[in-house]
Amino acid sequence: MSEIYSTDFSHWTRQTAQLLRERRWHEIDVANLIDEVEDLGKSERRAIASQLTRLLLHLLKWQYQPQRRSDSWIDSITDARTQIDLALQDSPSLKGHPTEQLEDSYRRARRQTATQTKLEISAFPETCQYSLDLVLSEDWLPEE
């Protein structure tokens, strides 16, 4: 079955699901199944970190380029907050992940913001000046 895994992943997933339903444990490709289950958790964590980076990017742009504020920035901020909230609702065990990721996501957002705005990276604080509660708060936006 591991041969199918490397040649036709979609077929492998369907076959593995069928074997699980039928409780045919001895036929299951356990090694690859373990890898895939572990990757699911990584994927959820990466998605939260990615949305947090996107959220911080737009909050920085909002704060440091007030003359360029737009509805699309608000839409992006709102969507990122929604996506993080949905991920945490689906996986409550990841509730602490945004806290763990805040500084790394901020560093990525800071670099991206400097690139996108053409401002010097030194224009932005080296560490995140926003609390996570504010960042995730539905109605909060940073001041100039």
N, C-alpha and C. Protein backbone atom coordinates (compact mmCIF):
# COMPACT_ATOMS: atom_id res chain seq x y z
N MET A 1 0.82 -1.20 0.00
CA MET A 1 0.00 0.00 0.00
C MET A 1 0.86 1.26 0.00
N SER A 2 2.09 1.18 0.54
CA SER A 2 2.95 2.36 0.53
C SER A 2 3.35 2.75 -0.89
N GLU A 3 3.31 1.78 -1.81
CA GLU A 3 3.58 2.08 -3.21
C GLU A 3 2.49 3.00 -3.79
N ILE A 4 1.25 2.74 -3.43
CA ILE A 4 0.13 3.59 -3.87
C ILE A 4 0.29 4.99 -3.29
N TYR A 5 0.74 5.07 -2.06
CA TYR A 5 0.93 6.36 -1.40
C TYR A 5 1.84 7.27 -2.23
N SER A 6 2.92 6.72 -2.76
CA SER A 6 3.88 7.53 -3.51
C SER A 6 3.48 7.76 -4.96
N THR A 7 2.52 6.99 -5.48
CA THR A 7 2.14 7.16 -6.89
C THR A 7 0.77 7.80 -7.09
N ASP A 8 -0.16 7.59 -6.13
CA ASP A 8 -1.51 8.16 -6.28
C ASP A 8 -2.08 8.44 -4.89
N PHE A 9 -1.72 9.62 -4.36
CA PHE A 9 -2.10 9.98 -2.99
C PHE A 9 -3.62 9.96 -2.79
N SER A 10 -4.36 10.47 -3.74
CA SER A 10 -5.82 10.51 -3.62
C SER A 10 -6.39 9.10 -3.48
N HIS A 11 -5.90 8.19 -4.30
CA HIS A 11 -6.35 6.80 -4.21
C HIS A 11 -5.97 6.20 -2.85
N TRP A 12 -4.75 6.52 -2.40
CA TRP A 12 -4.29 6.02 -1.10
C TRP A 12 -5.21 6.48 0.02
N THR A 13 -5.62 7.77 0.00
CA THR A 13 -6.49 8.27 1.07
C THR A 13 -7.85 7.57 1.06
N ARG A 14 -8.41 7.39 -0.13
CA ARG A 14 -9.71 6.70 -0.22
C ARG A 14 -9.59 5.25 0.26
N GLN A 15 -8.54 4.58 -0.17
CA GLN A 15 -8.35 3.18 0.23
C GLN A 15 -8.11 3.07 1.73
N THR A 16 -7.30 3.97 2.28
CA THR A 16 -7.03 3.95 3.72
C THR A 16 -8.31 4.19 4.51
N ALA A 17 -9.12 5.14 4.08
CA ALA A 17 -10.40 5.41 4.76
C ALA A 17 -11.29 4.16 4.72
N GLN A 18 -11.32 3.50 3.59
CA GLN A 18 -12.15 2.29 3.46
C GLN A 18 -11.64 1.19 4.39
N LEU A 19 -10.34 1.00 4.44
CA LEU A 19 -9.76 0.00 5.34
C LEU A 19 -10.07 0.33 6.80
N LEU A 20 -10.03 1.59 7.16
CA LEU A 20 -10.36 1.99 8.53
C LEU A 20 -11.83 1.70 8.83
N ARG A 21 -12.72 2.05 7.88
CA ARG A 21 -14.15 1.78 8.08
C ARG A 21 -14.41 0.29 8.29
N GLU A 22 -13.69 -0.51 7.54
CA GLU A 22 -13.88 -1.96 7.60
C GLU A 22 -13.04 -2.61 8.70
N ARG A 23 -12.31 -1.79 9.43
CA ARG A 23 -11.46 -2.26 10.53
C ARG A 23 -10.47 -3.35 10.10
N ARG A 24 -9.92 -3.16 8.92
CA ARG A 24 -8.92 -4.09 8.37
C ARG A 24 -7.54 -3.55 8.72
N TRP A 25 -7.27 -3.56 10.03
CA TRP A 25 -6.10 -2.92 10.60
C TRP A 25 -4.78 -3.41 9.98
N HIS A 26 -4.68 -4.70 9.75
CA HIS A 26 -3.43 -5.28 9.28
C HIS A 26 -3.07 -4.85 7.85
N GLU A 27 -4.03 -4.30 7.10
CA GLU A 27 -3.77 -3.88 5.72
C GLU A 27 -3.45 -2.38 5.60
N ILE A 28 -3.57 -1.67 6.71
CA ILE A 28 -3.37 -0.21 6.68
C ILE A 28 -1.89 0.13 6.61
N ASP A 29 -1.56 1.11 5.81
CA ASP A 29 -0.21 1.64 5.66
C ASP A 29 0.05 2.57 6.86
N VAL A 30 0.39 1.98 7.99
CA VAL A 30 0.47 2.70 9.25
C VAL A 30 1.52 3.81 9.23
N ALA A 31 2.69 3.56 8.69
CA ALA A 31 3.76 4.56 8.72
C ALA A 31 3.33 5.85 8.00
N ASN A 32 2.77 5.71 6.82
CA ASN A 32 2.34 6.90 6.08
C ASN A 32 1.10 7.53 6.70
N LEU A 33 0.24 6.72 7.28
CA LEU A 33 -0.94 7.26 7.96
C LEU A 33 -0.52 8.13 9.15
N ILE A 34 0.45 7.67 9.90
CA ILE A 34 0.97 8.45 11.03
C ILE A 34 1.53 9.78 10.54
N ASP A 35 2.32 9.73 9.47
CA ASP A 35 2.88 10.97 8.91
C ASP A 35 1.78 11.95 8.50
N GLU A 36 0.74 11.44 7.87
CA GLU A 36 -0.35 12.30 7.40
C GLU A 36 -1.13 12.91 8.57
N VAL A 37 -1.36 12.14 9.61
CA VAL A 37 -2.08 12.66 10.78
C VAL A 37 -1.25 13.74 11.46
N GLU A 38 0.06 13.51 11.60
CA GLU A 38 0.93 14.53 12.18
C GLU A 38 0.94 15.80 11.32
N ASP A 39 0.94 15.63 10.02
CA ASP A 39 0.93 16.80 9.12
C ASP A 39 -0.35 17.61 9.23
N LEU A 40 -1.46 16.95 9.55
CA LEU A 40 -2.71 17.69 9.74
C LEU A 40 -2.57 18.70 10.86
N GLY A 41 -1.97 18.30 11.96
CA GLY A 41 -1.76 19.22 13.08
C GLY A 41 -0.81 20.35 12.71
N LYS A 42 0.24 20.03 11.97
CA LYS A 42 1.18 21.05 11.53
C LYS A 42 0.49 22.04 10.61
N SER A 43 -0.35 21.53 9.75
CA SER A 43 -1.07 22.38 8.80
C SER A 43 -1.95 23.39 9.52
N GLU A 44 -2.64 22.95 10.55
CA GLU A 44 -3.49 23.85 11.33
C GLU A 44 -2.65 24.94 12.00
N ARG A 45 -1.53 24.55 12.57
CA ARG A 45 -0.65 25.53 13.22
C ARG A 45 -0.08 26.52 12.21
N ARG A 46 0.33 26.00 11.05
CA ARG A 46 0.85 26.89 10.01
C ARG A 46 -0.22 27.87 9.53
N ALA A 47 -1.45 27.39 9.40
CA ALA A 47 -2.54 28.26 8.94
C ALA A 47 -2.78 29.40 9.93
N ILE A 48 -2.75 29.10 11.22
CA ILE A 48 -2.93 30.14 12.23
C ILE A 48 -1.78 31.14 12.15
N ALA A 49 -0.55 30.65 12.06
CA ALA A 49 0.61 31.54 11.98
C ALA A 49 0.54 32.41 10.73
N SER A 50 0.12 31.84 9.63
CA SER A 50 0.01 32.59 8.38
C SER A 50 -1.05 33.70 8.48
N GLN A 51 -2.19 33.37 9.06
CA GLN A 51 -3.24 34.38 9.23
C GLN A 51 -2.80 35.46 10.21
N LEU A 52 -2.08 35.07 11.24
CA LEU A 52 -1.59 36.06 12.21
C LEU A 52 -0.59 37.00 11.55
N THR A 53 0.26 36.47 10.70
CA THR A 53 1.21 37.31 9.96
C THR A 53 0.46 38.28 9.05
N ARG A 54 -0.54 37.79 8.34
CA ARG A 54 -1.33 38.64 7.45
C ARG A 54 -2.04 39.73 8.24
N LEU A 55 -2.57 39.36 9.38
CA LEU A 55 -3.26 40.31 10.24
C LEU A 55 -2.30 41.40 10.72
N LEU A 56 -1.14 41.01 11.21
CA LEU A 56 -0.16 41.98 11.70
C LEU A 56 0.36 42.87 10.57
N LEU A 57 0.55 42.30 9.41
CA LEU A 57 0.97 43.08 8.24
C LEU A 57 0.00 44.23 7.99
N HIS A 58 -1.28 43.93 7.98
CA HIS A 58 -2.26 44.97 7.69
C HIS A 58 -2.44 45.94 8.86
N LEU A 59 -2.26 45.47 10.07
CA LEU A 59 -2.31 46.39 11.20
C LEU A 59 -1.14 47.37 11.15
N LEU A 60 0.03 46.88 10.79
CA LEU A 60 1.19 47.77 10.65
C LEU A 60 0.97 48.77 9.52
N LYS A 61 0.48 48.31 8.40
CA LYS A 61 0.21 49.22 7.29
C LYS A 61 -0.83 50.26 7.71
N TRP A 62 -1.84 49.83 8.44
CA TRP A 62 -2.89 50.75 8.91
C TRP A 62 -2.27 51.84 9.79
N GLN A 63 -1.38 51.42 10.69
CA GLN A 63 -0.78 52.37 11.62
C GLN A 63 0.24 53.29 10.93
N TYR A 64 1.06 52.74 10.05
CA TYR A 64 2.18 53.51 9.51
C TYR A 64 1.92 54.14 8.15
N GLN A 65 0.79 53.84 7.56
CA GLN A 65 0.43 54.50 6.30
C GLN A 65 -1.04 54.95 6.35
N PRO A 66 -1.37 55.83 7.29
CA PRO A 66 -2.77 56.24 7.44
C PRO A 66 -3.35 56.88 6.17
N GLN A 67 -2.52 57.50 5.38
CA GLN A 67 -2.99 58.15 4.16
C GLN A 67 -3.42 57.13 3.09
N ARG A 68 -3.04 55.87 3.25
CA ARG A 68 -3.35 54.84 2.25
C ARG A 68 -4.40 53.85 2.74
N ARG A 69 -5.00 54.11 3.89
CA ARG A 69 -6.00 53.19 4.45
C ARG A 69 -7.10 52.92 3.43
N SER A 70 -7.55 51.67 3.43
CA SER A 70 -8.58 51.30 2.46
C SER A 70 -9.51 50.24 3.03
N ASP A 71 -10.64 50.09 2.36
CA ASP A 71 -11.58 49.05 2.75
C ASP A 71 -10.97 47.66 2.57
N SER A 72 -10.09 47.50 1.60
CA SER A 72 -9.48 46.19 1.39
C SER A 72 -8.59 45.81 2.58
N TRP A 73 -7.95 46.79 3.21
CA TRP A 73 -7.17 46.49 4.41
C TRP A 73 -8.09 46.04 5.53
N ILE A 74 -9.20 46.73 5.69
CA ILE A 74 -10.18 46.34 6.72
C ILE A 74 -10.69 44.93 6.44
N ASP A 75 -10.99 44.65 5.16
CA ASP A 75 -11.46 43.31 4.79
C ASP A 75 -10.43 42.25 5.13
N SER A 76 -9.17 42.53 4.86
CA SER A 76 -8.11 41.57 5.15
C SER A 76 -7.94 41.36 6.65
N ILE A 77 -8.00 42.45 7.41
CA ILE A 77 -7.90 42.37 8.87
C ILE A 77 -9.05 41.54 9.43
N THR A 78 -10.25 41.84 8.96
CA THR A 78 -11.44 41.12 9.44
C THR A 78 -11.37 39.65 9.07
N ASP A 79 -10.98 39.35 7.83
CA ASP A 79 -10.91 37.96 7.39
C ASP A 79 -9.85 37.18 8.17
N ALA A 80 -8.69 37.78 8.38
CA ALA A 80 -7.64 37.08 9.13
C ALA A 80 -8.11 36.76 10.54
N ARG A 81 -8.77 37.72 11.18
CA ARG A 81 -9.29 37.47 12.54
C ARG A 81 -10.32 36.35 12.51
N THR A 82 -11.18 36.37 11.50
CA THR A 82 -12.21 35.32 11.37
C THR A 82 -11.57 33.96 11.17
N GLN A 83 -10.57 33.88 10.29
CA GLN A 83 -9.92 32.60 10.01
C GLN A 83 -9.21 32.05 11.26
N ILE A 84 -8.58 32.91 12.02
CA ILE A 84 -7.94 32.47 13.26
C ILE A 84 -8.99 31.96 14.23
N ASP A 85 -10.08 32.72 14.37
CA ASP A 85 -11.16 32.32 15.28
C ASP A 85 -11.75 30.97 14.87
N LEU A 86 -12.00 30.79 13.59
CA LEU A 86 -12.56 29.51 13.11
C LEU A 86 -11.60 28.35 13.38
N ALA A 87 -10.32 28.57 13.14
CA ALA A 87 -9.33 27.51 13.39
C ALA A 87 -9.29 27.14 14.87
N LEU A 88 -9.39 28.14 15.73
CA LEU A 88 -9.37 27.87 17.18
C LEU A 88 -10.66 27.21 17.64
N GLN A 89 -11.78 27.53 17.01
CA GLN A 89 -13.03 26.85 17.33
C GLN A 89 -12.96 25.39 16.93
N ASP A 90 -12.39 25.13 15.75
CA ASP A 90 -12.26 23.75 15.27
C ASP A 90 -11.27 22.94 16.08
N SER A 91 -10.25 23.60 16.58
CA SER A 91 -9.18 22.92 17.33
C SER A 91 -8.86 23.69 18.60
N PRO A 92 -9.70 23.55 19.63
CA PRO A 92 -9.49 24.30 20.87
C PRO A 92 -8.12 24.05 21.51
N SER A 93 -7.51 22.92 21.22
CA SER A 93 -6.20 22.64 21.81
C SER A 93 -5.13 23.59 21.28
N LEU A 94 -5.43 24.32 20.20
CA LEU A 94 -4.47 25.28 19.64
C LEU A 94 -4.66 26.69 20.18
N LYS A 95 -5.48 26.84 21.20
CA LYS A 95 -5.79 28.17 21.74
C LYS A 95 -4.54 28.97 22.11
N GLY A 96 -3.51 28.31 22.58
CA GLY A 96 -2.28 29.00 22.96
C GLY A 96 -1.33 29.26 21.80
N HIS A 97 -1.63 28.70 20.65
CA HIS A 97 -0.72 28.83 19.51
C HIS A 97 -0.52 30.28 19.05
N PRO A 98 -1.56 31.10 18.95
CA PRO A 98 -1.31 32.49 18.56
C PRO A 98 -0.34 33.22 19.51
N THR A 99 -0.44 32.95 20.79
CA THR A 99 0.48 33.55 21.75
C THR A 99 1.91 33.10 21.46
N GLU A 100 2.08 31.81 21.19
CA GLU A 100 3.40 31.26 20.89
C GLU A 100 3.97 31.84 19.60
N GLN A 101 3.11 32.17 18.67
CA GLN A 101 3.53 32.61 17.34
C GLN A 101 3.62 34.12 17.17
N LEU A 102 3.14 34.88 18.14
CA LEU A 102 3.01 36.32 17.96
C LEU A 102 4.32 36.98 17.51
N GLU A 103 5.40 36.74 18.20
CA GLU A 103 6.67 37.41 17.87
C GLU A 103 7.22 36.95 16.52
N ASP A 104 7.16 35.66 16.22
CA ASP A 104 7.63 35.18 14.92
C ASP A 104 6.77 35.74 13.79
N SER A 105 5.48 35.73 13.99
CA SER A 105 4.58 36.29 12.97
C SER A 105 4.81 37.79 12.81
N TYR A 106 5.07 38.46 13.91
CA TYR A 106 5.34 39.90 13.84
C TYR A 106 6.62 40.16 13.04
N ARG A 107 7.68 39.37 13.28
CA ARG A 107 8.92 39.56 12.53
C ARG A 107 8.70 39.39 11.03
N ARG A 108 7.91 38.37 10.66
CA ARG A 108 7.60 38.17 9.24
C ARG A 108 6.78 39.35 8.71
N ALA A 109 5.78 39.76 9.47
CA ALA A 109 4.92 40.87 9.05
C ALA A 109 5.72 42.16 8.93
N ARG A 110 6.63 42.38 9.83
CA ARG A 110 7.46 43.59 9.81
C ARG A 110 8.28 43.65 8.53
N ARG A 111 8.91 42.52 8.17
CA ARG A 111 9.70 42.48 6.93
C ARG A 111 8.81 42.69 5.70
N GLN A 112 7.67 42.02 5.68
CA GLN A 112 6.75 42.15 4.54
C GLN A 112 6.21 43.58 4.43
N THR A 113 5.91 44.18 5.56
CA THR A 113 5.38 45.55 5.56
C THR A 113 6.42 46.52 5.02
N ALA A 114 7.66 46.35 5.45
CA ALA A 114 8.73 47.22 4.95
C ALA A 114 8.85 47.08 3.43
N THR A 115 8.79 45.86 2.94
CA THR A 115 8.89 45.63 1.50
C THR A 115 7.71 46.25 0.76
N GLN A 116 6.51 46.01 1.26
CA GLN A 116 5.31 46.49 0.57
C GLN A 116 5.15 48.00 0.63
N THR A 117 5.56 48.61 1.73
CA THR A 117 5.36 50.06 1.90
C THR A 117 6.54 50.87 1.39
N LYS A 118 7.66 50.19 1.15
CA LYS A 118 8.91 50.87 0.75
C LYS A 118 9.48 51.73 1.88
N LEU A 119 9.01 51.49 3.11
CA LEU A 119 9.57 52.17 4.28
C LEU A 119 10.75 51.34 4.79
N GLU A 120 11.67 52.00 5.45
CA GLU A 120 12.79 51.28 6.06
C GLU A 120 12.25 50.37 7.16
N ILE A 121 12.83 49.19 7.29
CA ILE A 121 12.37 48.26 8.32
C ILE A 121 12.52 48.88 9.71
N SER A 122 13.48 49.77 9.86
CA SER A 122 13.69 50.43 11.16
C SER A 122 12.54 51.35 11.54
N ALA A 123 11.64 51.64 10.60
CA ALA A 123 10.47 52.47 10.91
C ALA A 123 9.49 51.73 11.81
N PHE A 124 9.63 50.40 11.86
CA PHE A 124 8.72 49.57 12.63
C PHE A 124 9.45 49.02 13.85
N PRO A 125 8.79 48.99 15.00
CA PRO A 125 9.43 48.45 16.21
C PRO A 125 9.94 47.02 15.98
N GLU A 126 11.04 46.69 16.62
CA GLU A 126 11.61 45.35 16.48
C GLU A 126 10.73 44.28 17.10
N THR A 127 10.01 44.64 18.15
CA THR A 127 9.11 43.67 18.79
C THR A 127 7.67 44.18 18.68
N CYS A 128 6.77 43.27 18.71
CA CYS A 128 5.35 43.61 18.56
C CYS A 128 4.88 44.49 19.71
N GLN A 129 4.30 45.63 19.37
CA GLN A 129 3.82 46.57 20.37
C GLN A 129 2.34 46.35 20.70
N TYR A 130 1.72 45.41 20.01
CA TYR A 130 0.30 45.13 20.22
C TYR A 130 0.14 43.88 21.08
N SER A 131 -0.79 43.92 22.00
CA SER A 131 -1.09 42.70 22.75
C SER A 131 -1.92 41.78 21.86
N LEU A 132 -1.82 40.50 22.10
CA LEU A 132 -2.58 39.54 21.29
C LEU A 132 -4.08 39.79 21.43
N ASP A 133 -4.53 40.15 22.63
CA ASP A 133 -5.96 40.43 22.82
C ASP A 133 -6.43 41.55 21.89
N LEU A 134 -5.62 42.60 21.77
CA LEU A 134 -5.99 43.70 20.87
C LEU A 134 -5.93 43.25 19.41
N VAL A 135 -4.88 42.54 19.05
CA VAL A 135 -4.72 42.08 17.67
C VAL A 135 -5.93 41.27 17.23
N LEU A 136 -6.44 40.43 18.10
CA LEU A 136 -7.56 39.55 17.75
C LEU A 136 -8.91 40.18 18.02
N SER A 137 -8.92 41.35 18.66
CA SER A 137 -10.18 42.02 18.99
C SER A 137 -10.87 42.50 17.73
N GLU A 138 -12.14 42.19 17.65
CA GLU A 138 -12.93 42.46 16.44
C GLU A 138 -12.93 43.91 16.00
N ASP A 139 -12.94 44.85 16.93
CA ASP A 139 -13.08 46.25 16.57
C ASP A 139 -11.84 47.11 16.74
N TRP A 140 -10.71 46.51 17.11
CA TRP A 140 -9.52 47.31 17.40
C TRP A 140 -8.67 47.54 16.15
N LEU A 141 -8.20 48.78 16.01
CA LEU A 141 -7.23 49.16 15.01
C LEU A 141 -6.19 50.05 15.68
N PRO A 142 -4.92 49.93 15.30
CA PRO A 142 -3.91 50.77 15.94
C PRO A 142 -4.01 52.23 15.51
N GLU A 143 -3.58 53.10 16.38
CA GLU A 143 -3.56 54.52 16.09
C GLU A 143 -2.28 54.87 15.36
N GLU A 144 -2.23 56.05 14.80
CA GLU A 144 -1.03 56.50 14.11
C GLU A 144 0.10 56.69 15.10
